[in-house]
Amino acid sequence: MTVRLERMTAATAAAILSGQRPPDVRVADDYPTEFSAGVASQVASGSELGPYVIISSDDAIVVGELGGAFVNDGTVEVGYAVVRSREGQGLATAAVRELLRRLALLPDVRRVVAHTPLDRPASARVVEKAGFSFVREVDDVHEGQTLRVREWVWAPRRHLLLANNHHTSSKSARYRTTPATPRSPPGTSS
């Protein structure tokens, strides 16, 4: 399944926040998602991290949204939602992978985290398939409610490569050779 990410427009955000259908994009019948209003409220402060609408490439309709925000130096937390009628079709995984591809190009992003509620195993499968690694279970406060969630982490390969290069010897030292020790012919002692 392929998707396209487009920045959520001010018109889409205003419509969602006023309980109307967006005038500038085609949307799934069961759009908005349960998180659309929260995402729409972030449009004014949008950046390369989002928010984005998720557009199904098959029929060019909005099926969800996703985005991220810096939660501390170098760490971005991402979130996403897909309408119920499109769950289980690989759209969320494709969208998260595309967002990670974009985040990997940003020099300030060293790590990406995601939190998935324990009661939503499909959400955990999305981030796992997108390349995240499970870290631990933690309590997370969302809209005033404390939820038990799984914490996942993903690091752009460029940062892993830089970290590995920092901890290894220089290229010249890795390829340094020592003079060969002369060997005695077989059957002779030295």
C-alpha atoms as a PDB file:
ATOM      1  CA  MET A   1       0.000   0.000   0.000  1.00  0.00           C
ATOM      2  CA  THR A   2       1.374   3.394  -0.869  1.00  0.00           C
ATOM      3  CA  VAL A   3       0.553   6.735   0.659  1.00  0.00           C
ATOM      4  CA  ARG A   4       1.366  10.355   0.088  1.00  0.00           C
ATOM      5  CA  LEU A   5       1.943  12.825   2.918  1.00  0.00           C
ATOM      6  CA  GLU A   6       0.845  16.427   2.471  1.00  0.00           C
ATOM      7  CA  ARG A   7       0.934  19.221   4.986  1.00  0.00           C
ATOM      8  CA  MET A   8      -2.407  19.724   6.651  1.00  0.00           C
ATOM      9  CA  THR A   9      -3.672  23.053   5.351  1.00  0.00           C
ATOM     10  CA  ALA A  10      -5.185  25.840   7.422  1.00  0.00           C
ATOM     11  CA  ALA A  11      -8.506  25.252   5.611  1.00  0.00           C
ATOM     12  CA  THR A  12      -8.525  21.551   6.534  1.00  0.00           C
ATOM     13  CA  ALA A  13      -7.589  22.356  10.131  1.00  0.00           C
ATOM     14  CA  ALA A  14     -10.286  25.044  10.464  1.00  0.00           C
ATOM     15  CA  ALA A  15     -12.939  22.682   9.105  1.00  0.00           C
ATOM     16  CA  ILE A  16     -11.946  19.887  11.488  1.00  0.00           C
ATOM     17  CA  LEU A  17     -11.901  22.240  14.467  1.00  0.00           C
ATOM     18  CA  SER A  18     -15.380  23.531  13.575  1.00  0.00           C
ATOM     19  CA  GLY A  19     -16.765  20.017  13.090  1.00  0.00           C
ATOM     20  CA  GLN A  20     -17.124  20.294   9.306  1.00  0.00           C
ATOM     21  CA  ARG A  21     -15.691  18.361   6.388  1.00  0.00           C
ATOM     22  CA  PRO A  22     -12.529  19.868   4.892  1.00  0.00           C
ATOM     23  CA  PRO A  23     -13.275  21.860   1.720  1.00  0.00           C
ATOM     24  CA  ASP A  24      -9.861  21.453   0.094  1.00  0.00           C
ATOM     25  CA  VAL A  25      -9.306  17.665   0.168  1.00  0.00           C
ATOM     26  CA  ARG A  26     -11.333  14.511  -0.376  1.00  0.00           C
ATOM     27  CA  VAL A  27     -11.657  12.520   2.835  1.00  0.00           C
ATOM     28  CA  ALA A  28     -12.758   9.018   3.816  1.00  0.00           C
ATOM     29  CA  ASP A  29     -16.402   8.713   4.869  1.00  0.00           C
ATOM     30  CA  ASP A  30     -15.394   8.116   8.499  1.00  0.00           C
ATOM     31  CA  TYR A  31     -12.851  10.963   8.671  1.00  0.00           C
ATOM     32  CA  PRO A  32     -11.867  12.715  10.944  1.00  0.00           C
ATOM     33  CA  THR A  33     -10.004  10.359  13.272  1.00  0.00           C
ATOM     34  CA  GLU A  34     -10.222  10.526  17.044  1.00  0.00           C
ATOM     35  CA  PHE A  35      -7.002  12.588  17.058  1.00  0.00           C
ATOM     36  CA  SER A  36      -7.757  14.946  14.154  1.00  0.00           C
ATOM     37  CA  ALA A  37      -8.773  17.901  16.325  1.00  0.00           C
ATOM     38  CA  GLY A  38      -5.552  17.712  18.338  1.00  0.00           C
ATOM     39  CA  VAL A  39      -3.513  17.469  15.154  1.00  0.00           C
ATOM     40  CA  ALA A  40      -5.438  20.310  13.491  1.00  0.00           C
ATOM     41  CA  SER A  41      -4.712  22.588  16.433  1.00  0.00           C
ATOM     42  CA  GLN A  42      -0.979  22.225  15.623  1.00  0.00           C
ATOM     43  CA  VAL A  43      -1.195  23.506  12.035  1.00  0.00           C
ATOM     44  CA  ALA A  44      -0.256  27.094  12.914  1.00  0.00           C
ATOM     45  CA  SER A  45       2.993  25.890  14.464  1.00  0.00           C
ATOM     46  CA  GLY A  46       3.680  23.389  11.669  1.00  0.00           C
ATOM     47  CA  SER A  47       7.188  22.499  10.570  1.00  0.00           C
ATOM     48  CA  GLU A  48       8.993  19.813   8.645  1.00  0.00           C
ATOM     49  CA  LEU A  49       7.757  17.508  11.402  1.00  0.00           C
ATOM     50  CA  GLY A  50       4.137  17.997  10.349  1.00  0.00           C
ATOM     51  CA  PRO A  51       1.293  17.793  10.811  1.00  0.00           C
ATOM     52  CA  TYR A  52       0.561  15.887   7.622  1.00  0.00           C
ATOM     53  CA  VAL A  53      -2.553  14.291   6.222  1.00  0.00           C
ATOM     54  CA  ILE A  54      -2.169  10.720   5.010  1.00  0.00           C
ATOM     55  CA  ILE A  55      -3.510  10.295   1.493  1.00  0.00           C
ATOM     56  CA  SER A  56      -4.158   6.837   0.099  1.00  0.00           C
ATOM     57  CA  SER A  57      -2.494   6.649  -3.303  1.00  0.00           C
ATOM     58  CA  ASP A  58      -5.138   4.207  -4.539  1.00  0.00           C
ATOM     59  CA  ASP A  59      -8.047   6.636  -4.408  1.00  0.00           C
ATOM     60  CA  ALA A  60      -6.450   9.986  -3.445  1.00  0.00           C
ATOM     61  CA  ILE A  61      -8.487  10.483  -0.277  1.00  0.00           C
ATOM     62  CA  VAL A  62      -7.353  11.526   3.194  1.00  0.00           C
ATOM     63  CA  VAL A  63      -7.404   8.523   5.520  1.00  0.00           C
ATOM     64  CA  GLY A  64      -5.577   9.918   8.556  1.00  0.00           C
ATOM     65  CA  GLU A  65      -2.864  12.174   9.812  1.00  0.00           C
ATOM     66  CA  LEU A  66       0.546  12.064  11.450  1.00  0.00           C
ATOM     67  CA  GLY A  67       3.351  14.257  12.627  1.00  0.00           C
ATOM     68  CA  GLY A  68       5.976  14.791  15.242  1.00  0.00           C
ATOM     69  CA  ALA A  69       7.329  17.278  17.739  1.00  0.00           C
ATOM     70  CA  PHE A  70      10.627  17.739  19.514  1.00  0.00           C
ATOM     71  CA  VAL A  71      10.237  16.519  23.092  1.00  0.00           C
ATOM     72  CA  ASN A  72      13.834  17.294  24.018  1.00  0.00           C
ATOM     73  CA  ASP A  73      17.139  17.996  22.333  1.00  0.00           C
ATOM     74  CA  GLY A  74      17.439  15.726  19.298  1.00  0.00           C
ATOM     75  CA  THR A  75      14.405  13.586  20.133  1.00  0.00           C
ATOM     76  CA  VAL A  76      11.152  13.722  18.174  1.00  0.00           C
ATOM     77  CA  GLU A  77       7.979  11.987  19.309  1.00  0.00           C
ATOM     78  CA  VAL A  78       5.656  10.899  16.502  1.00  0.00           C
ATOM     79  CA  GLY A  79       1.974  10.092  16.466  1.00  0.00           C
ATOM     80  CA  TYR A  80      -0.452   8.944  13.812  1.00  0.00           C
ATOM     81  CA  ALA A  81      -4.035   7.867  13.248  1.00  0.00           C
ATOM     82  CA  VAL A  82      -5.912   6.197  10.414  1.00  0.00           C
ATOM     83  CA  VAL A  83      -9.699   6.014  10.062  1.00  0.00           C
ATOM     84  CA  ARG A  84     -11.223   2.713  11.191  1.00  0.00           C
ATOM     85  CA  SER A  85     -12.417   1.818   7.689  1.00  0.00           C
ATOM     86  CA  ARG A  86      -8.778   1.759   6.498  1.00  0.00           C
ATOM     87  CA  GLU A  87      -7.114   0.043   9.448  1.00  0.00           C
ATOM     88  CA  GLY A  88      -5.175  -3.138   8.719  1.00  0.00           C
ATOM     89  CA  GLN A  89      -4.278  -2.147   5.143  1.00  0.00           C
ATOM     90  CA  GLY A  90      -0.677  -1.050   5.745  1.00  0.00           C
ATOM     91  CA  LEU A  91      -1.467   2.658   5.372  1.00  0.00           C
ATOM     92  CA  ALA A  92      -0.261   3.656   8.840  1.00  0.00           C
ATOM     93  CA  THR A  93       2.972   1.676   8.439  1.00  0.00           C
ATOM     94  CA  ALA A  94       3.632   3.230   5.027  1.00  0.00           C
ATOM     95  CA  ALA A  95       2.939   6.716   6.407  1.00  0.00           C
ATOM     96  CA  VAL A  96       5.215   6.243   9.434  1.00  0.00           C
ATOM     97  CA  ARG A  97       7.998   4.910   7.183  1.00  0.00           C
ATOM     98  CA  GLU A  98       7.675   7.963   4.929  1.00  0.00           C
ATOM     99  CA  LEU A  99       7.762  10.316   7.906  1.00  0.00           C
ATOM    100  CA  LEU A 100      10.884   8.537   9.217  1.00  0.00           C
ATOM    101  CA  ARG A 101      12.513   8.903   5.799  1.00  0.00           C
ATOM    102  CA  ARG A 102      11.895  12.642   6.002  1.00  0.00           C
ATOM    103  CA  LEU A 103      13.063  12.895   9.611  1.00  0.00           C
ATOM    104  CA  ALA A 104      16.307  11.083   8.746  1.00  0.00           C
ATOM    105  CA  LEU A 105      17.198  14.032   6.498  1.00  0.00           C
ATOM    106  CA  LEU A 106      16.946  16.547   9.334  1.00  0.00           C
ATOM    107  CA  PRO A 107      20.285  17.075  11.089  1.00  0.00           C
ATOM    108  CA  ASP A 108      18.694  17.966  14.452  1.00  0.00           C
ATOM    109  CA  VAL A 109      16.853  14.630  14.692  1.00  0.00           C
ATOM    110  CA  ARG A 110      18.962  12.014  16.454  1.00  0.00           C
ATOM    111  CA  ARG A 111      16.218   9.763  17.732  1.00  0.00           C
ATOM    112  CA  VAL A 112      12.503   9.242  17.244  1.00  0.00           C
ATOM    113  CA  VAL A 113      10.152   7.825  19.869  1.00  0.00           C
ATOM    114  CA  ALA A 114       6.597   6.551  19.680  1.00  0.00           C
ATOM    115  CA  HIS A 115       4.194   5.430  22.397  1.00  0.00           C
ATOM    116  CA  THR A 116       1.549   2.802  21.717  1.00  0.00           C
ATOM    117  CA  PRO A 117      -1.274   2.036  24.175  1.00  0.00           C
ATOM    118  CA  LEU A 118      -1.240  -1.507  25.564  1.00  0.00           C
ATOM    119  CA  ASP A 119      -4.844  -1.961  24.452  1.00  0.00           C
ATOM    120  CA  ARG A 120      -3.906  -1.246  20.805  1.00  0.00           C
ATOM    121  CA  PRO A 121      -1.574  -4.028  19.649  1.00  0.00           C
ATOM    122  CA  ALA A 122      -2.098  -3.056  15.998  1.00  0.00           C
ATOM    123  CA  SER A 123      -0.503   0.305  16.736  1.00  0.00           C
ATOM    124  CA  ALA A 124       2.537  -1.475  18.178  1.00  0.00           C
ATOM    125  CA  ARG A 125       2.785  -3.605  15.017  1.00  0.00           C
ATOM    126  CA  VAL A 126       2.795  -0.415  12.910  1.00  0.00           C
ATOM    127  CA  VAL A 127       5.858   1.056  14.599  1.00  0.00           C
ATOM    128  CA  GLU A 128       7.611  -2.297  14.803  1.00  0.00           C
ATOM    129  CA  LYS A 129       7.146  -2.863  11.055  1.00  0.00           C
ATOM    130  CA  ALA A 130       8.325   0.693  10.417  1.00  0.00           C
ATOM    131  CA  GLY A 131      11.642  -0.132  12.117  1.00  0.00           C
ATOM    132  CA  PHE A 132      11.225   0.971  15.732  1.00  0.00           C
ATOM    133  CA  SER A 133      12.620  -1.106  18.604  1.00  0.00           C
ATOM    134  CA  PHE A 134      10.676  -1.742  21.802  1.00  0.00           C
ATOM    135  CA  VAL A 135      12.262  -0.059  24.834  1.00  0.00           C
ATOM    136  CA  ARG A 136       9.921  -0.458  27.813  1.00  0.00           C
ATOM    137  CA  GLU A 137       6.447   0.047  29.237  1.00  0.00           C
ATOM    138  CA  VAL A 138       5.800   3.455  30.823  1.00  0.00           C
ATOM    139  CA  ASP A 139       2.943   5.617  32.074  1.00  0.00           C
ATOM    140  CA  ASP A 140       2.083   8.415  29.632  1.00  0.00           C
ATOM    141  CA  VAL A 141      -0.290  11.320  30.207  1.00  0.00           C
ATOM    142  CA  HIS A 142      -2.484  12.053  27.183  1.00  0.00           C
ATOM    143  CA  GLU A 143      -5.226  14.690  27.352  1.00  0.00           C
ATOM    144  CA  GLY A 144      -5.235  14.503  31.160  1.00  0.00           C
ATOM    145  CA  GLN A 145      -5.492  10.702  31.258  1.00  0.00           C
ATOM    146  CA  THR A 146      -2.677   8.438  32.429  1.00  0.00           C
ATOM    147  CA  LEU A 147      -2.232   5.497  30.082  1.00  0.00           C
ATOM    148  CA  ARG A 148       0.109   2.525  30.239  1.00  0.00           C
ATOM    149  CA  VAL A 149       1.980   2.471  26.929  1.00  0.00           C
ATOM    150  CA  ARG A 150       4.843   0.779  25.165  1.00  0.00           C
ATOM    151  CA  GLU A 151       7.736   3.076  24.343  1.00  0.00           C
ATOM    152  CA  TRP A 152       9.517   2.518  21.026  1.00  0.00           C
ATOM    153  CA  VAL A 153      12.638   4.139  19.604  1.00  0.00           C
ATOM    154  CA  TRP A 154      14.108   4.588  16.133  1.00  0.00           C
ATOM    155  CA  ALA A 155      17.405   6.234  15.223  1.00  0.00           C
ATOM    156  CA  PRO A 156      18.334   7.458  11.757  1.00  0.00           C
ATOM    157  CA  ARG A 157      21.150   5.351  10.320  1.00  0.00           C
ATOM    158  CA  ARG A 158      23.303   8.420   9.745  1.00  0.00           C
ATOM    159  CA  HIS A 159      23.496   8.958  13.513  1.00  0.00           C
ATOM    160  CA  LEU A 160      24.320   5.305  14.125  1.00  0.00           C
ATOM    161  CA  LEU A 161      27.093   5.529  11.560  1.00  0.00           C
ATOM    162  CA  LEU A 162      28.450   8.706  13.125  1.00  0.00           C
ATOM    163  CA  ALA A 163      28.346   7.130  16.588  1.00  0.00           C
ATOM    164  CA  ASN A 164      30.119   4.004  15.328  1.00  0.00           C
ATOM    165  CA  ASN A 165      32.795   6.048  13.569  1.00  0.00           C
ATOM    166  CA  HIS A 166      33.351   8.096  16.710  1.00  0.00           C
ATOM    167  CA  HIS A 167      34.035   4.950  18.756  1.00  0.00           C
ATOM    168  CA  THR A 168      36.321   3.218  16.260  1.00  0.00           C
ATOM    169  CA  SER A 169      39.847   4.056  15.352  1.00  0.00           C
ATOM    170  CA  SER A 170      40.621   6.272  12.423  1.00  0.00           C
ATOM    171  CA  LYS A 171      40.590   4.843   8.931  1.00  0.00           C
ATOM    172  CA  SER A 172      44.362   4.961   8.697  1.00  0.00           C
ATOM    173  CA  ALA A 173      44.714   3.056  11.963  1.00  0.00           C
ATOM    174  CA  ARG A 174      42.249   0.383  10.859  1.00  0.00           C
ATOM    175  CA  TYR A 175      44.226  -0.296   7.719  1.00  0.00           C
ATOM    176  CA  ARG A 176      47.691  -0.020   9.238  1.00  0.00           C
ATOM    177  CA  THR A 177      49.887  -2.974   8.368  1.00  0.00           C
ATOM    178  CA  THR A 178      52.876  -4.347  10.144  1.00  0.00           C
ATOM    179  CA  PRO A 179      55.901  -5.681   8.324  1.00  0.00           C
ATOM    180  CA  ALA A 180      55.641  -9.363   7.549  1.00  0.00           C
ATOM    181  CA  THR A 181      57.734 -11.595   9.744  1.00  0.00           C
ATOM    182  CA  PRO A 182      59.978 -13.823   7.633  1.00  0.00           C
ATOM    183  CA  ARG A 183      59.035 -17.474   7.998  1.00  0.00           C
ATOM    184  CA  SER A 184      61.386 -20.350   7.943  1.00  0.00           C
ATOM    185  CA  PRO A 185      60.832 -22.916   5.200  1.00  0.00           C
ATOM    186  CA  PRO A 186      58.934 -26.013   6.347  1.00  0.00           C
ATOM    187  CA  GLY A 187      61.124 -28.593   8.052  1.00  0.00           C
ATOM    188  CA  THR A 188      63.670 -26.069   9.312  1.00  0.00           C
ATOM    189  CA  SER A 189      63.877 -24.419  12.673  1.00  0.00           C
ATOM    190  CA  SER A 190      64.611 -20.828  13.302  1.00  0.00           C
END
